[in-house]
C-alpha atoms as a PDB file:
ATOM      1  CA  MET A   1      65.194 231.911 143.706  1.00  0.00           C
ATOM      2  CA  LYS A   2      63.634 229.001 145.651  1.00  0.00           C
ATOM      3  CA  ARG A   3      61.198 226.583 144.534  1.00  0.00           C
ATOM      4  CA  PRO A   4      57.178 227.085 145.229  1.00  0.00           C
ATOM      5  CA  TYR A   5      55.137 227.212 147.561  1.00  0.00           C
ATOM      6  CA  ALA A   6      52.036 225.353 146.102  1.00  0.00           C
ATOM      7  CA  VAL A   7      49.236 227.663 148.396  1.00  0.00           C
ATOM      8  CA  LEU A   8      47.583 230.076 146.791  1.00  0.00           C
ATOM      9  CA  PHE A   9      45.366 232.647 149.676  1.00  0.00           C
ATOM     10  CA  GLY A  10      42.061 231.539 148.138  1.00  0.00           C
ATOM     11  CA  PHE A  11      42.954 228.252 147.398  1.00  0.00           C
ATOM     12  CA  VAL A  12      45.972 226.098 148.268  1.00  0.00           C
ATOM     13  CA  VAL A  13      46.745 223.643 144.984  1.00  0.00           C
ATOM     14  CA  VAL A  14      47.464 219.522 146.100  1.00  0.00           C
ATOM     15  CA  ALA A  15      48.418 217.674 142.816  1.00  0.00           C
ATOM     16  CA  GLY A  16      46.874 220.235 140.763  1.00  0.00           C
ATOM     17  CA  ILE A  17      44.217 220.322 142.146  1.00  0.00           C
ATOM     18  CA  PHE A  18      42.432 223.255 143.799  1.00  0.00           C
ATOM     19  CA  LEU A  19      41.684 223.152 147.556  1.00  0.00           C
ATOM     20  CA  TRP A  20      39.080 225.162 149.756  1.00  0.00           C
ATOM     21  CA  TRP A  21      40.849 227.971 152.130  1.00  0.00           C
ATOM     22  CA  ARG A  22      44.573 228.362 154.150  1.00  0.00           C
ATOM     23  CA  TRP A  23      46.063 231.502 154.873  1.00  0.00           C
ATOM     24  CA  PRO A  24      49.707 231.466 153.633  1.00  0.00           C
ATOM     25  CA  SER A  25      51.633 231.032 157.097  1.00  0.00           C
ATOM     26  CA  GLY A  26      54.592 230.277 158.081  1.00  0.00           C
ATOM     27  CA  VAL A  27      55.930 230.106 154.915  1.00  0.00           C
ATOM     28  CA  PRO A  28      59.735 230.726 155.115  1.00  0.00           C
ATOM     29  CA  SER A  29      61.601 233.801 153.354  1.00  0.00           C
ATOM     30  CA  GLY A  30      62.326 234.092 149.587  1.00  0.00           C
ATOM     31  CA  TYR A  31      60.123 231.409 148.844  1.00  0.00           C
ATOM     32  CA  ILE A  32      56.811 232.340 146.967  1.00  0.00           C
ATOM     33  CA  ILE A  33      53.025 231.767 146.609  1.00  0.00           C
ATOM     34  CA  GLU A  34      50.961 232.169 144.601  1.00  0.00           C
ATOM     35  CA  GLY A  35      47.628 234.009 144.230  1.00  0.00           C
ATOM     36  CA  TYR A  36      44.237 235.128 141.387  1.00  0.00           C
ATOM     37  CA  THR A  37      45.641 238.625 141.500  1.00  0.00           C
ATOM     38  CA  THR A  38      49.263 241.059 141.731  1.00  0.00           C
ATOM     39  CA  GLN A  39      47.649 242.872 145.388  1.00  0.00           C
ATOM     40  CA  PRO A  40      50.484 241.078 147.751  1.00  0.00           C
ATOM     41  CA  PRO A  41      49.294 239.874 151.186  1.00  0.00           C
ATOM     42  CA  ILE A  42      51.042 241.385 154.094  1.00  0.00           C
ATOM     43  CA  GLY A  43      54.702 240.344 154.058  1.00  0.00           C
ATOM     44  CA  TYR A  44      54.957 239.539 150.201  1.00  0.00           C
ATOM     45  CA  THR A  45      56.411 240.953 147.407  1.00  0.00           C
ATOM     46  CA  PHE A  46      55.212 241.281 144.107  1.00  0.00           C
ATOM     47  CA  THR A  47      57.465 239.980 141.984  1.00  0.00           C
ATOM     48  CA  GLY A  48      56.240 240.844 138.435  1.00  0.00           C
ATOM     49  CA  LEU A  49      55.906 236.960 137.243  1.00  0.00           C
ATOM     50  CA  HIS A  50      52.814 234.891 136.445  1.00  0.00           C
ATOM     51  CA  GLU A  51      52.015 231.786 134.922  1.00  0.00           C
ATOM     52  CA  VAL A  52      48.152 230.822 133.316  1.00  0.00           C
ATOM     53  CA  VAL A  53      46.885 227.374 134.570  1.00  0.00           C
ATOM     54  CA  GLY A  54      43.573 225.087 133.728  1.00  0.00           C
ATOM     55  CA  ASP A  55      42.131 225.129 130.805  1.00  0.00           C
ATOM     56  CA  ASP A  56      41.955 221.793 129.813  1.00  0.00           C
ATOM     57  CA  TRP A  57      39.419 218.275 129.971  1.00  0.00           C
ATOM     58  CA  GLY A  58      39.192 215.232 131.787  1.00  0.00           C
ATOM     59  CA  THR A  59      36.287 212.803 131.986  1.00  0.00           C
ATOM     60  CA  ALA A  60      33.988 212.263 134.544  1.00  0.00           C
ATOM     61  CA  ALA A  61      31.053 209.259 135.215  1.00  0.00           C
ATOM     62  CA  GLY A  62      28.443 209.728 132.291  1.00  0.00           C
ATOM     63  CA  VAL A  63      24.429 210.559 133.056  1.00  0.00           C
ATOM     64  CA  GLY A  64      23.586 206.795 131.592  1.00  0.00           C
ATOM     65  CA  GLY A  65      23.467 205.766 127.717  1.00  0.00           C
ATOM     66  CA  LEU A  66      23.624 208.185 124.750  1.00  0.00           C
ATOM     67  CA  ARG A  67      22.085 210.750 126.961  1.00  0.00           C
ATOM     68  CA  ARG A  68      20.323 213.606 124.406  1.00  0.00           C
ATOM     69  CA  GLN A  69      18.178 217.056 124.633  1.00  0.00           C
ATOM     70  CA  LEU A  70      18.243 216.978 128.750  1.00  0.00           C
ATOM     71  CA  ALA A  71      18.950 220.237 130.728  1.00  0.00           C
ATOM     72  CA  ALA A  72      21.348 220.498 133.514  1.00  0.00           C
ATOM     73  CA  ALA A  73      21.707 222.527 137.085  1.00  0.00           C
ATOM     74  CA  SER A  74      23.885 222.253 139.976  1.00  0.00           C
ATOM     75  CA  THR A  75      22.929 223.895 143.455  1.00  0.00           C
ATOM     76  CA  ASN A  76      24.542 223.053 147.392  1.00  0.00           C
ATOM     77  CA  GLY A  77      27.771 220.917 145.805  1.00  0.00           C
ATOM     78  CA  LEU A  78      25.987 218.704 142.962  1.00  0.00           C
ATOM     79  CA  VAL A  79      24.533 218.568 139.589  1.00  0.00           C
ATOM     80  CA  TYR A  80      21.130 217.559 138.819  1.00  0.00           C
ATOM     81  CA  ALA A  81      20.850 216.238 135.423  1.00  0.00           C
ATOM     82  CA  LEU A  82      16.709 215.615 134.094  1.00  0.00           C
ATOM     83  CA  GLY A  83      14.857 214.244 131.366  1.00  0.00           C
ATOM     84  CA  GLY A  84      16.624 214.426 127.484  1.00  0.00           C
ATOM     85  CA  PHE A  85      16.206 211.198 125.437  1.00  0.00           C
ATOM     86  CA  LEU A  86      18.307 207.712 125.183  1.00  0.00           C
ATOM     87  CA  PRO A  87      17.571 206.559 120.995  1.00  0.00           C
ATOM     88  CA  PHE A  88      15.148 204.796 119.875  1.00  0.00           C
ATOM     89  CA  GLY A  89      14.248 201.949 121.265  1.00  0.00           C
ATOM     90  CA  THR A  90      15.654 202.368 124.548  1.00  0.00           C
ATOM     91  CA  THR A  91      13.336 201.728 126.682  1.00  0.00           C
ATOM     92  CA  PRO A  92      12.950 203.903 129.683  1.00  0.00           C
ATOM     93  CA  ASP A  93      13.188 206.446 127.094  1.00  0.00           C
ATOM     94  CA  GLY A  94      14.144 208.751 130.219  1.00  0.00           C
ATOM     95  CA  ARG A  95      12.252 211.600 129.710  1.00  0.00           C
ATOM     96  CA  ASN A  96      11.327 212.095 133.175  1.00  0.00           C
ATOM     97  CA  GLN A  97      14.020 210.943 134.437  1.00  0.00           C
ATOM     98  CA  ALA A  98      16.279 212.944 137.409  1.00  0.00           C
ATOM     99  CA  PHE A  99      19.987 212.194 138.610  1.00  0.00           C
ATOM    100  CA  ALA A 100      21.933 213.281 140.336  1.00  0.00           C
ATOM    101  CA  TYR A 101      26.295 214.271 140.003  1.00  0.00           C
ATOM    102  CA  ASP A 102      28.433 214.094 143.480  1.00  0.00           C
ATOM    103  CA  PRO A 103      31.798 215.105 142.024  1.00  0.00           C
ATOM    104  CA  ALA A 104      33.258 214.137 145.108  1.00  0.00           C
ATOM    105  CA  THR A 105      32.571 210.090 143.934  1.00  0.00           C
ATOM    106  CA  ASP A 106      32.227 210.626 140.878  1.00  0.00           C
ATOM    107  CA  THR A 107      28.968 208.241 140.645  1.00  0.00           C
ATOM    108  CA  TRP A 108      25.924 209.277 139.578  1.00  0.00           C
ATOM    109  CA  GLN A 109      22.079 208.456 141.212  1.00  0.00           C
ATOM    110  CA  LEU A 110      18.476 208.324 140.275  1.00  0.00           C
ATOM    111  CA  LEU A 111      15.671 209.879 141.804  1.00  0.00           C
ATOM    112  CA  ALA A 112      12.571 210.321 141.372  1.00  0.00           C
ATOM    113  CA  ASP A 113      10.888 210.786 138.455  1.00  0.00           C
ATOM    114  CA  MET A 114      10.008 214.192 137.011  1.00  0.00           C
ATOM    115  CA  LEU A 115       6.574 214.808 137.037  1.00  0.00           C
ATOM    116  CA  HIS A 116       6.147 214.922 133.779  1.00  0.00           C
ATOM    117  CA  GLU A 117       8.463 213.129 130.412  1.00  0.00           C
ATOM    118  CA  ARG A 118      10.351 216.174 128.725  1.00  0.00           C
ATOM    119  CA  GLN A 119      12.899 217.437 127.090  1.00  0.00           C
ATOM    120  CA  TYR A 120      13.577 220.750 124.695  1.00  0.00           C
ATOM    121  CA  PHE A 121      13.164 222.422 128.622  1.00  0.00           C
ATOM    122  CA  ALA A 122      15.384 224.634 130.202  1.00  0.00           C
ATOM    123  CA  ALA A 123      16.277 224.180 134.198  1.00  0.00           C
ATOM    124  CA  ALA A 124      17.201 226.064 136.571  1.00  0.00           C
ATOM    125  CA  ALA A 125      18.453 225.906 140.502  1.00  0.00           C
ATOM    126  CA  LEU A 126      17.517 228.740 143.031  1.00  0.00           C
ATOM    127  CA  GLY A 127      17.946 227.632 146.655  1.00  0.00           C
ATOM    128  CA  ASP A 128      17.553 223.971 147.293  1.00  0.00           C
ATOM    129  CA  SER A 129      15.290 223.730 144.767  1.00  0.00           C
ATOM    130  CA  VAL A 130      15.898 222.398 140.812  1.00  0.00           C
ATOM    131  CA  TYR A 131      13.397 223.435 138.148  1.00  0.00           C
ATOM    132  CA  ALA A 132      12.253 221.998 134.900  1.00  0.00           C
ATOM    133  CA  ILE A 133      10.939 224.529 133.000  1.00  0.00           C
ATOM    134  CA  GLY A 134       8.095 223.900 129.155  1.00  0.00           C
ATOM    135  CA  GLY A 135       9.293 221.760 126.869  1.00  0.00           C
ATOM    136  CA  ASN A 136       7.577 219.276 125.200  1.00  0.00           C
ATOM    137  CA  SER A 137       6.472 215.500 126.057  1.00  0.00           C
ATOM    138  CA  PRO A 138       7.672 213.956 123.440  1.00  0.00           C
ATOM    139  CA  SER A 139       5.724 215.501 121.025  1.00  0.00           C
ATOM    140  CA  VAL A 140       2.668 218.189 122.935  1.00  0.00           C
ATOM    141  CA  VAL A 141       4.953 220.793 123.653  1.00  0.00           C
ATOM    142  CA  THR A 142       3.937 221.481 127.201  1.00  0.00           C
ATOM    143  CA  GLY A 143       4.239 225.182 130.197  1.00  0.00           C
ATOM    144  CA  GLU A 144       4.237 222.693 133.509  1.00  0.00           C
ATOM    145  CA  VAL A 145       6.676 223.552 135.441  1.00  0.00           C
ATOM    146  CA  ASP A 146       8.080 220.508 138.163  1.00  0.00           C
ATOM    147  CA  VAL A 147      10.322 221.310 141.384  1.00  0.00           C
ATOM    148  CA  TYR A 148      12.590 218.689 143.123  1.00  0.00           C
ATOM    149  CA  ASN A 149      13.329 219.143 146.235  1.00  0.00           C
ATOM    150  CA  THR A 150      16.889 218.585 146.654  1.00  0.00           C
ATOM    151  CA  VAL A 151      16.199 218.330 150.453  1.00  0.00           C
ATOM    152  CA  THR A 152      13.110 215.734 150.625  1.00  0.00           C
ATOM    153  CA  GLY A 153      13.584 214.022 147.447  1.00  0.00           C
ATOM    154  CA  GLY A 154      10.585 215.150 146.367  1.00  0.00           C
ATOM    155  CA  TRP A 155       9.095 216.744 142.554  1.00  0.00           C
ATOM    156  CA  THR A 156       6.060 218.579 143.061  1.00  0.00           C
ATOM    157  CA  ALA A 157       4.535 221.518 140.301  1.00  0.00           C
ATOM    158  CA  ALA A 158       4.804 225.024 139.993  1.00  0.00           C
ATOM    159  CA  ALA A 159       2.519 227.355 138.333  1.00  0.00           C
ATOM    160  CA  PRO A 160       3.066 227.246 134.396  1.00  0.00           C
ATOM    161  CA  LEU A 161       3.887 229.336 132.520  1.00  0.00           C
ATOM    162  CA  GLN A 162       2.105 232.110 130.729  1.00  0.00           C
ATOM    163  CA  GLY A 163       1.129 229.961 127.708  1.00  0.00           C
ATOM    164  CA  ILE A 164       3.654 227.076 126.356  1.00  0.00           C
ATOM    165  CA  ARG A 165       7.104 227.435 125.282  1.00  0.00           C
ATOM    166  CA  GLU A 166       9.730 224.484 124.505  1.00  0.00           C
ATOM    167  CA  GLU A 167      13.776 225.012 122.815  1.00  0.00           C
ATOM    168  CA  HIS A 168      13.832 227.624 125.205  1.00  0.00           C
ATOM    169  CA  THR A 169      17.035 229.228 127.594  1.00  0.00           C
ATOM    170  CA  ALA A 170      16.501 229.750 131.904  1.00  0.00           C
ATOM    171  CA  ALA A 171      18.554 231.467 134.088  1.00  0.00           C
ATOM    172  CA  VAL A 172      18.939 233.068 137.541  1.00  0.00           C
ATOM    173  CA  ALA A 173      19.574 236.319 138.579  1.00  0.00           C
ATOM    174  CA  ASN A 174      18.147 238.801 141.362  1.00  0.00           C
ATOM    175  CA  GLY A 175      16.193 235.872 143.189  1.00  0.00           C
ATOM    176  CA  LEU A 176      13.546 235.614 140.088  1.00  0.00           C
ATOM    177  CA  ILE A 177      14.192 232.265 138.007  1.00  0.00           C
ATOM    178  CA  TYR A 178      14.342 233.432 133.696  1.00  0.00           C
ATOM    179  CA  ALA A 179      12.311 231.766 131.292  1.00  0.00           C
ATOM    180  CA  ILE A 180      13.883 232.981 127.689  1.00  0.00           C
ATOM    181  CA  GLY A 181      13.116 232.620 123.968  1.00  0.00           C
ATOM    182  CA  GLY A 182      12.871 229.140 122.274  1.00  0.00           C
ATOM    183  CA  ARG A 183       9.565 228.553 120.140  1.00  0.00           C
ATOM    184  CA  THR A 184       5.837 229.503 121.090  1.00  0.00           C
ATOM    185  CA  PRO A 185       2.387 229.732 120.057  1.00  0.00           C
ATOM    186  CA  GLY A 186       1.768 232.242 116.945  1.00  0.00           C
ATOM    187  CA  GLU A 187       5.650 232.878 117.693  1.00  0.00           C
ATOM    188  CA  PRO A 188       8.328 230.458 116.552  1.00  0.00           C
ATOM    189  CA  TRP A 189      10.686 232.755 116.941  1.00  0.00           C
ATOM    190  CA  SER A 190      10.251 234.169 120.300  1.00  0.00           C
ATOM    191  CA  THR A 191      11.762 236.844 121.642  1.00  0.00           C
ATOM    192  CA  SER A 192       9.508 236.633 124.718  1.00  0.00           C
ATOM    193  CA  VAL A 193      11.351 236.485 128.030  1.00  0.00           C
ATOM    194  CA  GLU A 194       8.903 235.226 131.442  1.00  0.00           C
ATOM    195  CA  ALA A 195       9.938 235.943 134.716  1.00  0.00           C
ATOM    196  CA  PHE A 196       9.105 233.600 138.030  1.00  0.00           C
ATOM    197  CA  ASP A 197       8.706 234.616 141.751  1.00  0.00           C
ATOM    198  CA  ARG A 198       8.767 231.821 143.835  1.00  0.00           C
ATOM    199  CA  SER A 199       7.676 233.762 146.681  1.00  0.00           C
ATOM    200  CA  THR A 200       4.166 234.143 144.871  1.00  0.00           C
ATOM    201  CA  ASN A 201       4.437 231.530 142.931  1.00  0.00           C
ATOM    202  CA  GLN A 202       3.571 233.914 139.988  1.00  0.00           C
ATOM    203  CA  TRP A 203       5.032 234.111 136.140  1.00  0.00           C
ATOM    204  CA  THR A 204       5.403 237.713 134.914  1.00  0.00           C
ATOM    205  CA  ALA A 205       6.276 239.350 130.766  1.00  0.00           C
ATOM    206  CA  VAL A 206       8.870 241.786 131.103  1.00  0.00           C
ATOM    207  CA  ARG A 207      10.425 243.084 128.349  1.00  0.00           C
ATOM    208  CA  SER A 208      11.023 241.017 125.352  1.00  0.00           C
ATOM    209  CA  MET A 209      14.536 239.884 123.996  1.00  0.00           C
ATOM    210  CA  PRO A 210      15.642 241.799 120.740  1.00  0.00           C
ATOM    211  CA  THR A 211      16.966 238.883 118.437  1.00  0.00           C
ATOM    212  CA  GLY A 212      14.434 235.682 118.074  1.00  0.00           C
ATOM    213  CA  ARG A 213      15.826 232.903 118.708  1.00  0.00           C
ATOM    214  CA  ARG A 214      15.225 229.115 119.397  1.00  0.00           C
ATOM    215  CA  ARG A 215      18.146 227.285 121.515  1.00  0.00           C
ATOM    216  CA  PRO A 216      19.663 229.331 122.776  1.00  0.00           C
ATOM    217  CA  ALA A 217      21.502 229.159 126.405  1.00  0.00           C
ATOM    218  CA  ALA A 218      22.074 232.058 129.118  1.00  0.00           C
ATOM    219  CA  ALA A 219      24.448 232.518 131.413  1.00  0.00           C
ATOM    220  CA  VAL A 220      24.694 235.339 134.771  1.00  0.00           C
ATOM    221  CA  VAL A 221      27.215 237.236 136.081  1.00  0.00           C
ATOM    222  CA  ASN A 222      27.407 240.452 138.123  1.00  0.00           C
ATOM    223  CA  GLY A 223      23.319 240.233 138.288  1.00  0.00           C
ATOM    224  CA  LEU A 224      23.363 240.311 134.247  1.00  0.00           C
ATOM    225  CA  ILE A 225      21.743 237.640 132.253  1.00  0.00           C
ATOM    226  CA  TYR A 226      23.085 237.041 128.975  1.00  0.00           C
ATOM    227  CA  VAL A 227      21.718 234.823 126.447  1.00  0.00           C
ATOM    228  CA  VAL A 228      23.822 233.395 124.043  1.00  0.00           C
ATOM    229  CA  GLY A 229      24.074 232.336 120.419  1.00  0.00           C
ATOM    230  CA  GLY A 230      20.815 230.125 119.356  1.00  0.00           C
ATOM    231  CA  ARG A 231      18.955 229.930 115.428  1.00  0.00           C
ATOM    232  CA  THR A 232      16.815 231.895 114.016  1.00  0.00           C
ATOM    233  CA  PRO A 233      15.387 231.506 110.431  1.00  0.00           C
ATOM    234  CA  ALA A 234      18.412 231.676 108.630  1.00  0.00           C
ATOM    235  CA  GLY A 235      20.463 229.628 111.054  1.00  0.00           C
ATOM    236  CA  PRO A 236      22.966 229.370 114.517  1.00  0.00           C
ATOM    237  CA  VAL A 237      24.188 232.745 115.266  1.00  0.00           C
ATOM    238  CA  GLY A 238      26.555 234.102 117.443  1.00  0.00           C
ATOM    239  CA  THR A 239      23.700 236.938 118.323  1.00  0.00           C
ATOM    240  CA  VAL A 240      24.949 237.640 122.425  1.00  0.00           C
ATOM    241  CA  GLU A 241      22.362 239.889 123.760  1.00  0.00           C
ATOM    242  CA  VAL A 242      22.465 241.127 127.791  1.00  0.00           C
ATOM    243  CA  TYR A 243      18.948 242.068 129.618  1.00  0.00           C
ATOM    244  CA  ASN A 244      19.969 244.036 133.010  1.00  0.00           C
ATOM    245  CA  PRO A 245      16.184 242.896 135.266  1.00  0.00           C
ATOM    246  CA  THR A 246      17.197 246.131 137.646  1.00  0.00           C
ATOM    247  CA  THR A 247      16.171 248.198 134.710  1.00  0.00           C
ATOM    248  CA  ASP A 248      13.762 245.970 132.227  1.00  0.00           C
ATOM    249  CA  SER A 249      16.177 246.686 129.228  1.00  0.00           C
ATOM    250  CA  TRP A 250      17.861 244.691 126.831  1.00  0.00           C
ATOM    251  CA  THR A 251      21.697 245.604 125.368  1.00  0.00           C
ATOM    252  CA  ASN A 252      24.059 243.934 123.441  1.00  0.00           C
ATOM    253  CA  ALA A 253      27.359 242.539 122.831  1.00  0.00           C
ATOM    254  CA  PRO A 254      30.199 241.577 120.739  1.00  0.00           C
ATOM    255  CA  SER A 255      28.904 238.476 118.935  1.00  0.00           C
ATOM    256  CA  MET A 256      30.890 234.792 119.147  1.00  0.00           C
ATOM    257  CA  THR A 257      33.391 233.964 116.730  1.00  0.00           C
ATOM    258  CA  VAL A 258      31.032 230.543 116.100  1.00  0.00           C
ATOM    259  CA  ALA A 259      28.129 230.873 115.413  1.00  0.00           C
ATOM    260  CA  ARG A 260      26.420 228.376 117.181  1.00  0.00           C
ATOM    261  CA  SER A 261      23.025 227.139 118.170  1.00  0.00           C
ATOM    262  CA  ASP A 262      22.046 223.775 120.556  1.00  0.00           C
ATOM    263  CA  LEU A 263      24.898 225.258 122.696  1.00  0.00           C
ATOM    264  CA  VAL A 264      26.546 225.173 126.777  1.00  0.00           C
ATOM    265  CA  ALA A 265      26.576 228.480 128.879  1.00  0.00           C
ATOM    266  CA  VAL A 266      28.131 228.261 132.208  1.00  0.00           C
ATOM    267  CA  ALA A 267      29.201 230.912 134.094  1.00  0.00           C
ATOM    268  CA  VAL A 268      32.844 230.446 136.139  1.00  0.00           C
ATOM    269  CA  ASN A 269      35.153 232.973 137.305  1.00  0.00           C
ATOM    270  CA  GLY A 270      32.663 236.094 136.260  1.00  0.00           C
ATOM    271  CA  LYS A 271      33.435 234.743 133.210  1.00  0.00           C
ATOM    272  CA  ILE A 272      30.656 233.541 130.296  1.00  0.00           C
ATOM    273  CA  TYR A 273      32.469 229.521 128.442  1.00  0.00           C
ATOM    274  CA  ALA A 274      29.561 229.343 125.652  1.00  0.00           C
ATOM    275  CA  ILE A 275      30.578 225.021 124.369  1.00  0.00           C
ATOM    276  CA  GLY A 276      30.007 223.538 121.480  1.00  0.00           C
ATOM    277  CA  GLY A 277      26.463 223.318 119.813  1.00  0.00           C
ATOM    278  CA  LEU A 278      26.011 223.516 115.658  1.00  0.00           C
ATOM    279  CA  ASP A 279      27.638 225.516 113.588  1.00  0.00           C
ATOM    280  CA  ALA A 280      25.851 227.238 111.155  1.00  0.00           C
ATOM    281  CA  GLY A 281      26.153 223.837 108.800  1.00  0.00           C
ATOM    282  CA  PHE A 282      24.852 221.914 111.778  1.00  0.00           C
ATOM    283  CA  LEU A 283      27.458 220.071 112.155  1.00  0.00           C
ATOM    284  CA  PRO A 284      28.116 219.580 115.583  1.00  0.00           C
ATOM    285  CA  ILE A 285      31.226 221.268 117.273  1.00  0.00           C
ATOM    286  CA  GLY A 286      33.999 220.796 120.002  1.00  0.00           C
ATOM    287  CA  ASP A 287      34.749 225.222 120.326  1.00  0.00           C
ATOM    288  CA  VAL A 288      34.579 226.547 123.501  1.00  0.00           C
ATOM    289  CA  GLU A 289      35.049 230.438 123.857  1.00  0.00           C
ATOM    290  CA  GLU A 290      35.025 232.356 127.004  1.00  0.00           C
ATOM    291  CA  PHE A 291      33.673 235.913 127.318  1.00  0.00           C
ATOM    292  CA  ASP A 292      34.914 238.190 129.824  1.00  0.00           C
ATOM    293  CA  PRO A 293      32.551 240.697 130.973  1.00  0.00           C
ATOM    294  CA  GLY A 294      34.890 243.005 132.025  1.00  0.00           C
ATOM    295  CA  THR A 295      36.721 243.643 128.836  1.00  0.00           C
ATOM    296  CA  ASN A 296      33.926 243.046 127.113  1.00  0.00           C
ATOM    297  CA  THR A 297      35.922 239.515 124.410  1.00  0.00           C
ATOM    298  CA  TRP A 298      35.878 236.864 123.201  1.00  0.00           C
ATOM    299  CA  ARG A 299      38.561 234.205 122.544  1.00  0.00           C
ATOM    300  CA  THR A 300      38.771 230.506 121.557  1.00  0.00           C
ATOM    301  CA  VAL A 301      39.714 227.935 124.870  1.00  0.00           C
ATOM    302  CA  SER A 302      40.504 224.496 124.631  1.00  0.00           C
ATOM    303  CA  ALA A 303      38.577 222.941 122.336  1.00  0.00           C
ATOM    304  CA  MET A 304      36.028 219.913 123.950  1.00  0.00           C
ATOM    305  CA  GLN A 305      36.204 215.911 122.530  1.00  0.00           C
ATOM    306  CA  PRO A 306      34.147 214.443 121.064  1.00  0.00           C
ATOM    307  CA  ALA A 307      32.296 217.465 119.722  1.00  0.00           C
ATOM    308  CA  ARG A 308      28.412 217.502 121.689  1.00  0.00           C
ATOM    309  CA  GLN A 309      24.835 218.873 120.735  1.00  0.00           C
ATOM    310  CA  HIS A 310      22.012 219.107 122.705  1.00  0.00           C
ATOM    311  CA  HIS A 311      23.815 218.437 125.387  1.00  0.00           C
ATOM    312  CA  ALA A 312      23.588 220.418 128.628  1.00  0.00           C
ATOM    313  CA  GLY A 313      26.046 221.511 131.285  1.00  0.00           C
ATOM    314  CA  ALA A 314      26.556 223.321 135.071  1.00  0.00           C
ATOM    315  CA  ALA A 315      29.538 225.062 136.491  1.00  0.00           C
ATOM    316  CA  MET A 316      30.752 222.579 139.285  1.00  0.00           C
ATOM    317  CA  GLY A 317      32.432 224.631 141.715  1.00  0.00           C
ATOM    318  CA  ASN A 318      35.382 226.481 139.341  1.00  0.00           C
ATOM    319  CA  SER A 319      35.477 223.407 136.910  1.00  0.00           C
ATOM    320  CA  ILE A 320      32.744 222.963 134.304  1.00  0.00           C
ATOM    321  CA  ILE A 321      30.030 219.805 134.226  1.00  0.00           C
ATOM    322  CA  VAL A 322      29.306 218.930 130.285  1.00  0.00           C
ATOM    323  CA  ILE A 323      26.462 216.019 130.552  1.00  0.00           C
ATOM    324  CA  GLY A 324      24.765 214.286 127.176  1.00  0.00           C
ATOM    325  CA  GLY A 325      24.645 215.212 123.749  1.00  0.00           C
ATOM    326  CA  GLY A 326      24.648 211.861 122.657  1.00  0.00           C
ATOM    327  CA  SER A 327      28.011 211.056 124.140  1.00  0.00           C
ATOM    328  CA  GLY A 328      28.201 207.986 127.222  1.00  0.00           C
ATOM    329  CA  SER A 329      30.257 210.564 129.183  1.00  0.00           C
ATOM    330  CA  SER A 330      30.411 214.197 130.847  1.00  0.00           C
ATOM    331  CA  ALA A 331      33.467 216.293 129.844  1.00  0.00           C
ATOM    332  CA  VAL A 332      34.333 218.624 132.921  1.00  0.00           C
ATOM    333  CA  TYR A 333      36.917 221.740 131.866  1.00  0.00           C
ATOM    334  CA  GLN A 334      38.688 223.203 134.261  1.00  0.00           C
ATOM    335  CA  PRO A 335      39.101 226.984 133.047  1.00  0.00           C
ATOM    336  CA  PRO A 336      42.426 229.425 132.307  1.00  0.00           C
ATOM    337  CA  VAL A 337      43.595 230.956 135.958  1.00  0.00           C
ATOM    338  CA  THR A 338      46.373 233.669 135.561  1.00  0.00           C
ATOM    339  CA  LEU A 339      48.274 233.051 139.418  1.00  0.00           C
ATOM    340  CA  TYR A 340      50.262 235.940 140.281  1.00  0.00           C
ATOM    341  CA  HIS A 341      53.973 235.071 142.035  1.00  0.00           C
ATOM    342  CA  HIS A 342      54.030 236.699 146.227  1.00  0.00           C
ATOM    343  CA  GLU A 343      58.129 236.963 147.359  1.00  0.00           C
ATOM    344  CA  ARG A 344      57.801 236.114 151.644  1.00  0.00           C
ATOM    345  CA  ASN A 345      59.780 239.377 153.119  1.00  0.00           C
END
């Protein structure tokens, strides 16, 4: 059988890099193309063979300094890293700084400062806007929400949370932003959840999370919010709970293999990746686990080096970028992808 053409229906592969869509026309008879499903396009036959590519880590430019307790979100092809702090004695300390990363040039651009200094907060992107939600600055807990307009390059204030909140996570589902868990007044291991509707500029309480926790992570697949790991009074946990915004209800999903807090969770290609954090012994780890909602199972994939805690992460196309956490460089993960072979008739 002849060597494969480097063609994917949905993507093209050039030197191991995934590029955008090209239909596999003009491929000679007997040659092979690769696709993401066993269903071949017209004019091809599935050979029964496949290969797995990806599941590897690379490096990218750092956001500047050994930054911790920052937050990140991505929109319109750029990644935004917000706040956090640099080592004590650094001036400025970084708590109100904002940066944009362009993967095409592997460069970070310093943006206008946030309206409020913050660490131990959450970030979310919705449309052309990036939201910095809650946190502390550096010892006063806040409910303030700053909004960065990626088109105009300016910051404005949105309605604050219903109460002050830190060490929480955030997610976007069905056009709403959700602030989840963390530490709130009178609830040091918060179960509370608030939803923000930008059309009304209002936060509304929704169904509380079953397990109160600080420093969890969240990711969204098929409109469901998966809240992963975090810290309870007993220490870091592997607990995973799933919020359905349509029914305002929570269900349980299988726990991670490794209990952890201070982690990152990012959804790519319909799967969730739990990255790094602090383990049950409060030691930083580089362990990475992949959750497949279709099979409702976790599996271990390639670990991140070095280990990180208090880091941030975001989807970057079909890859994941991990930022900060005490490292001067960023890390980029290419999740594993199964490619199926289809022969030209």
